[in-house]
Amino acid sequence: MTILNGANMVKHVTVWCLPRSGSTAYCNHLVNTGVVDQSINMEMFDDNSLRPCFRQHAIDISLNHLPVDFSIDKKLLTGEWIKENYNPDWVWIRYVEDGYKILPAVTDTPLTQYELDEYINMTMRRLRNTGSSQSLKIYADLPINYCDIDYETDHHLLIRDPIDITLSREFAVRTKLWHSLTENNTREIDFILDFKDEALYNILKYTIQSQRQLEEKTNCFSTIVRYEDLIMTDNKFKKVWTLEQKLQYAVNLDEALERVNDELGY
């Protein structure tokens, strides 16, 4: 714990990464290894939390995402628009403080314009004031710069094979299985990932390009972690499919990689 100006200030760990890079397991790993106190709030910076979600009583939000209403154009999302288009099935995730910890909570109360405008500043204010150290994700596509961070933190860069990230994303989207607490996965796969499909190809290209851009900022990070090198046998979150298993459902991948290399000059 760091002491600044007579006040207690804990040091957090901010994990810079791409979605599906293994960041959920890594944030939990930081708790298991005693680096931080909490990982339950790892999604605090995700701007998708500004969108309304659909109520689902059986979901444990510490393990699973509530279904987000992606039908809403984020550019239209204002406090006034929410009032005018309010859906009684909507709920929002808010982060509340109990004097020591920060906890996510499901609430019926719509977000205000102030919360929409200030969610990054409000998040950082909570992190400055809490007594519990947190592991947090910041995805590469969020509107946050390294120099904007004003809470006490170490910065970790988490990288993963971009092919694995792409496949992991598609498996999660298509099976609706984002995280698992068991390795006994019996989910049937009834799809093929054909990288001749332009939309899938563009996801692969974006992932390779975005990770390369992150890797070019290595001097900003106190720790650089490769997901494939981590040993997380006691992790709460289990690997659902191995890379080898996912590759069995991918076709025309080599041709797509050659095209990415030609277009990006890698």
Protein backbone atom coordinates (compact mmCIF):
# COMPACT_ATOMS: atom_id res chain seq x y z
CA MET A 1 0.00 0.00 0.00
CA THR A 2 1.30 3.44 -0.94
CA ILE A 3 0.95 6.40 1.43
CA LEU A 4 0.38 9.73 -0.33
CA ASN A 5 -0.34 13.01 1.47
CA GLY A 6 -1.23 11.15 4.65
CA ALA A 7 -3.95 9.06 2.98
CA ASN A 8 -3.98 5.37 2.13
CA MET A 9 -3.81 4.74 -1.60
CA VAL A 10 -3.75 1.19 -2.90
CA LYS A 11 -1.98 0.24 -6.09
CA HIS A 12 -4.08 -1.43 -8.76
CA VAL A 13 -3.07 -3.39 -11.86
CA THR A 14 -4.35 -2.11 -15.20
CA VAL A 15 -4.26 -4.76 -17.92
CA TRP A 16 -4.05 -3.39 -21.47
CA CYS A 17 -5.24 -5.97 -23.96
CA LEU A 18 -7.63 -7.00 -26.70
CA PRO A 19 -10.97 -8.69 -25.98
CA ARG A 20 -10.67 -12.51 -25.80
CA SER A 21 -6.98 -12.29 -24.95
CA GLY A 22 -7.46 -14.30 -21.75
CA SER A 23 -7.80 -11.12 -19.72
CA THR A 24 -10.62 -12.43 -17.52
CA ALA A 25 -8.51 -15.39 -16.41
CA TYR A 26 -5.44 -13.16 -16.02
CA CYS A 27 -7.29 -10.65 -13.82
CA ASN A 28 -8.42 -13.57 -11.64
CA HIS A 29 -4.85 -14.91 -11.64
CA LEU A 30 -3.66 -11.62 -10.14
CA VAL A 31 -6.06 -12.19 -7.22
CA ASN A 32 -5.01 -15.84 -6.80
CA THR A 33 -1.35 -14.86 -6.64
CA GLY A 34 -1.96 -12.09 -4.09
CA VAL A 35 -1.11 -9.19 -6.38
CA VAL A 36 -4.53 -7.51 -5.93
CA ASP A 37 -7.60 -7.92 -3.73
CA GLN A 38 -10.40 -7.95 -6.31
CA SER A 39 -11.02 -8.85 -9.95
CA ILE A 40 -14.83 -8.79 -9.92
CA ASN A 41 -14.77 -5.20 -11.23
CA MET A 42 -12.39 -5.91 -14.10
CA GLU A 43 -14.93 -4.58 -16.66
CA MET A 44 -15.33 -1.15 -15.03
CA PHE A 45 -13.86 0.70 -18.00
CA ASP A 46 -15.85 -1.18 -20.67
CA ASP A 47 -18.08 1.40 -22.35
CA ASN A 48 -20.58 -1.33 -23.24
CA SER A 49 -21.66 -1.04 -19.61
CA LEU A 50 -23.25 2.27 -20.61
CA ARG A 51 -25.74 0.44 -22.78
CA PRO A 52 -28.86 -1.00 -21.14
CA CYS A 53 -28.89 -4.76 -20.60
CA PHE A 54 -31.85 -7.13 -20.56
CA ARG A 55 -32.93 -8.40 -17.17
CA GLN A 56 -32.10 -12.05 -16.48
CA HIS A 57 -32.64 -13.11 -12.89
CA ALA A 58 -30.66 -16.37 -13.08
CA ILE A 59 -27.40 -14.80 -14.26
CA ASP A 60 -24.53 -14.35 -11.82
CA ILE A 61 -23.01 -11.12 -13.11
CA SER A 62 -19.68 -11.97 -11.49
CA LEU A 63 -19.37 -14.82 -14.03
CA ASN A 64 -21.48 -13.88 -17.04
CA HIS A 65 -22.51 -10.81 -18.96
CA LEU A 66 -26.12 -9.74 -19.01
CA PRO A 67 -27.29 -9.57 -22.62
CA VAL A 68 -26.55 -6.05 -23.83
CA ASP A 69 -29.04 -4.24 -26.06
CA PHE A 70 -26.76 -3.75 -29.06
CA SER A 71 -29.68 -2.55 -31.18
CA ILE A 72 -29.04 0.93 -29.81
CA ASP A 73 -26.68 3.13 -31.78
CA LYS A 74 -24.16 4.31 -29.19
CA LYS A 75 -24.17 7.75 -30.84
CA LEU A 76 -27.85 8.09 -29.91
CA LEU A 77 -27.34 7.08 -26.30
CA THR A 78 -28.11 10.17 -24.23
CA GLY A 79 -29.96 10.64 -20.98
CA GLU A 80 -32.87 12.21 -22.86
CA TRP A 81 -32.98 9.39 -25.43
CA ILE A 82 -33.08 6.78 -22.66
CA LYS A 83 -36.04 8.57 -21.03
CA GLU A 84 -37.95 8.79 -24.29
CA ASN A 85 -37.29 5.18 -25.30
CA TYR A 86 -37.32 3.51 -21.90
CA ASN A 87 -37.88 -0.25 -21.92
CA PRO A 88 -39.06 -1.78 -18.61
CA ASP A 89 -36.98 -4.89 -19.38
CA TRP A 90 -33.78 -2.81 -19.31
CA VAL A 91 -31.35 -2.79 -16.40
CA TRP A 92 -27.92 -1.23 -15.95
CA ILE A 93 -24.72 -2.34 -14.26
CA ARG A 94 -23.40 0.17 -11.75
CA TYR A 95 -20.39 -0.04 -9.48
CA VAL A 96 -21.04 0.76 -5.83
CA GLU A 97 -18.73 1.18 -2.85
CA ASP A 98 -19.29 -0.29 0.61
CA GLY A 99 -16.56 1.68 2.35
CA TYR A 100 -13.76 -0.72 1.42
CA LYS A 101 -14.63 -2.78 -1.66
CA ILE A 102 -16.21 -1.92 -5.00
CA LEU A 103 -18.99 -4.24 -6.16
CA PRO A 104 -21.05 -4.47 -9.38
CA ALA A 105 -24.79 -4.18 -8.93
CA VAL A 106 -27.81 -4.53 -11.22
CA THR A 107 -30.10 -1.51 -11.07
CA ASP A 108 -33.38 -0.48 -12.69
CA THR A 109 -32.47 3.20 -12.60
CA PRO A 110 -31.45 4.52 -16.05
CA LEU A 111 -28.10 6.20 -16.47
CA THR A 112 -28.12 9.98 -16.39
CA GLN A 113 -26.42 12.24 -18.90
CA TYR A 114 -23.80 13.04 -16.28
CA GLU A 115 -22.96 9.34 -15.85
CA LEU A 116 -22.71 8.88 -19.62
CA ASP A 117 -20.39 11.86 -19.98
CA GLU A 118 -18.26 11.19 -16.93
CA TYR A 119 -18.06 7.40 -16.68
CA ILE A 120 -14.27 7.30 -17.19
CA ASN A 121 -13.65 10.06 -14.64
CA MET A 122 -16.12 8.46 -12.20
CA THR A 123 -14.37 5.11 -12.58
CA MET A 124 -10.96 6.60 -11.91
CA ARG A 125 -12.33 8.50 -8.90
CA ARG A 126 -13.58 5.24 -7.39
CA LEU A 127 -10.21 3.64 -7.99
CA ARG A 128 -8.42 6.54 -6.30
CA ASN A 129 -10.64 6.30 -3.23
CA THR A 130 -11.17 2.58 -2.67
CA GLY A 131 -9.31 0.63 -0.02
CA SER A 132 -9.16 -2.56 -2.09
CA SER A 133 -6.72 -3.09 -4.94
CA GLN A 134 -8.26 -4.04 -8.28
CA SER A 135 -7.24 -5.75 -11.50
CA LEU A 136 -8.84 -3.93 -14.42
CA LYS A 137 -9.01 -4.36 -18.17
CA ILE A 138 -8.60 -1.57 -20.67
CA TYR A 139 -9.28 -2.76 -24.18
CA ALA A 140 -7.30 -1.26 -27.02
CA ASP A 141 -10.40 0.26 -28.67
CA LEU A 142 -11.56 2.21 -25.61
CA PRO A 143 -11.20 6.02 -25.65
CA ILE A 144 -8.58 6.00 -22.88
CA ASN A 145 -4.94 6.93 -23.23
CA TYR A 146 -2.14 5.73 -21.01
CA CYS A 147 -1.38 9.29 -19.97
CA ASP A 148 -5.00 9.83 -18.82
CA ILE A 149 -4.73 7.35 -15.95
CA ASP A 150 -4.63 9.24 -12.64
CA TYR A 151 -5.00 6.45 -10.08
CA GLU A 152 -2.07 4.51 -8.58
CA THR A 153 -1.44 1.46 -10.76
CA ASP A 154 1.01 -0.87 -12.42
CA HIS A 155 0.42 -1.27 -16.14
CA HIS A 156 0.53 -4.78 -17.62
CA LEU A 157 0.41 -5.62 -21.30
CA LEU A 158 -1.31 -8.94 -22.03
CA ILE A 159 -0.72 -10.38 -25.49
CA ARG A 160 -1.99 -13.55 -27.12
CA ASP A 161 -1.70 -15.20 -30.51
CA PRO A 162 -4.09 -13.04 -32.62
CA ILE A 163 -5.31 -16.15 -34.45
CA ASP A 164 -6.36 -17.62 -31.11
CA ILE A 165 -8.02 -14.32 -30.13
CA THR A 166 -10.01 -14.27 -33.37
CA LEU A 167 -11.11 -17.88 -33.04
CA SER A 168 -11.94 -17.45 -29.37
CA ARG A 169 -14.12 -14.44 -30.16
CA GLU A 170 -16.04 -16.29 -32.85
CA PHE A 171 -16.55 -19.36 -30.67
CA ALA A 172 -17.84 -17.18 -27.82
CA VAL A 173 -20.18 -15.16 -30.06
CA ARG A 174 -21.59 -18.22 -31.82
CA THR A 175 -21.96 -20.51 -28.79
CA LYS A 176 -22.89 -17.72 -26.30
CA LEU A 177 -20.35 -19.29 -23.93
CA TRP A 178 -17.99 -16.52 -22.85
CA HIS A 179 -16.61 -18.05 -19.67
CA SER A 180 -16.70 -21.43 -17.97
CA LEU A 181 -15.98 -22.64 -14.46
CA THR A 182 -15.48 -26.21 -15.63
CA GLU A 183 -13.27 -27.88 -18.20
CA ASN A 184 -15.95 -30.49 -18.88
CA ASN A 185 -17.31 -28.68 -21.91
CA THR A 186 -19.93 -30.60 -23.89
CA ARG A 187 -21.11 -27.73 -26.10
CA GLU A 188 -21.60 -28.94 -29.69
CA ILE A 189 -19.99 -26.97 -32.51
CA ASP A 190 -22.25 -26.74 -35.56
CA PHE A 191 -20.39 -24.11 -37.58
CA ILE A 192 -17.30 -23.67 -39.74
CA LEU A 193 -15.20 -20.51 -39.66
CA ASP A 194 -14.42 -19.75 -43.29
CA PHE A 195 -11.87 -16.96 -43.58
CA LYS A 196 -12.94 -16.30 -47.14
CA ASP A 197 -15.88 -14.56 -45.51
CA GLU A 198 -14.98 -10.87 -45.69
CA ALA A 199 -16.42 -10.00 -42.26
CA LEU A 200 -14.44 -12.76 -40.55
CA TYR A 201 -11.31 -11.81 -42.50
CA ASN A 202 -11.65 -8.19 -41.38
CA ILE A 203 -11.88 -9.30 -37.73
CA LEU A 204 -8.67 -11.27 -38.13
CA LYS A 205 -6.93 -8.35 -39.81
CA TYR A 206 -8.11 -5.88 -37.17
CA THR A 207 -6.95 -8.19 -34.37
CA ILE A 208 -3.47 -8.63 -35.86
CA GLN A 209 -3.13 -4.89 -36.49
CA SER A 210 -4.42 -3.87 -33.04
CA GLN A 211 -2.13 -6.25 -31.19
CA ARG A 212 0.84 -5.05 -33.21
CA GLN A 213 -0.01 -1.47 -32.21
CA LEU A 214 -0.16 -2.48 -28.54
CA GLU A 215 3.17 -4.29 -28.76
CA GLU A 216 4.78 -1.14 -30.18
CA LYS A 217 4.08 0.60 -26.83
CA THR A 218 6.01 -1.88 -24.70
CA ASN A 219 8.03 0.87 -23.02
CA CYS A 220 4.81 2.04 -21.29
CA PHE A 221 4.30 -1.18 -19.33
CA SER A 222 5.90 -2.44 -16.14
CA THR A 223 5.07 -6.05 -17.05
CA ILE A 224 4.57 -7.76 -20.38
CA VAL A 225 2.71 -11.07 -20.22
CA ARG A 226 2.17 -13.61 -22.97
CA TYR A 227 -1.01 -15.56 -22.35
CA GLU A 228 0.50 -18.76 -23.69
CA ASP A 229 3.24 -18.62 -21.02
CA LEU A 230 0.89 -18.34 -18.05
CA ILE A 231 0.33 -21.26 -15.68
CA MET A 232 -3.13 -20.81 -14.17
CA THR A 233 -4.10 -24.30 -12.99
CA ASP A 234 -6.10 -23.00 -10.02
CA ASN A 235 -7.89 -20.30 -11.98
CA LYS A 236 -11.60 -19.77 -11.45
CA PHE A 237 -12.11 -19.45 -15.20
CA LYS A 238 -11.26 -22.53 -17.26
CA LYS A 239 -10.16 -22.75 -20.87
CA VAL A 240 -13.20 -23.77 -22.88
CA TRP A 241 -11.47 -24.85 -26.10
CA THR A 242 -7.80 -25.25 -26.92
CA LEU A 243 -6.33 -23.55 -29.98
CA GLU A 244 -5.93 -26.96 -31.61
CA GLN A 245 -9.63 -27.73 -31.12
CA LYS A 246 -10.69 -24.37 -32.56
CA LEU A 247 -8.41 -24.73 -35.57
CA GLN A 248 -10.33 -27.85 -36.59
CA TYR A 249 -13.29 -25.60 -37.45
CA ALA A 250 -11.29 -22.99 -39.39
CA VAL A 251 -10.84 -23.12 -43.16
CA ASN A 252 -8.89 -20.91 -45.57
CA LEU A 253 -6.95 -19.46 -42.66
CA ASP A 254 -3.49 -19.69 -44.24
CA GLU A 255 -4.68 -17.79 -47.31
CA ALA A 256 -6.22 -15.12 -45.08
CA LEU A 257 -2.94 -14.72 -43.16
CA GLU A 258 -1.03 -14.27 -46.40
CA ARG A 259 -3.51 -11.60 -47.47
CA VAL A 260 -3.15 -9.79 -44.11
CA ASN A 261 0.63 -9.83 -44.48
CA ASP A 262 0.36 -8.39 -47.99
CA GLU A 263 -2.08 -5.64 -46.97
CA LEU A 264 -0.36 -4.63 -43.73
CA GLY A 265 3.20 -5.22 -44.87
CA TYR A 266 4.08 -7.48 -41.93
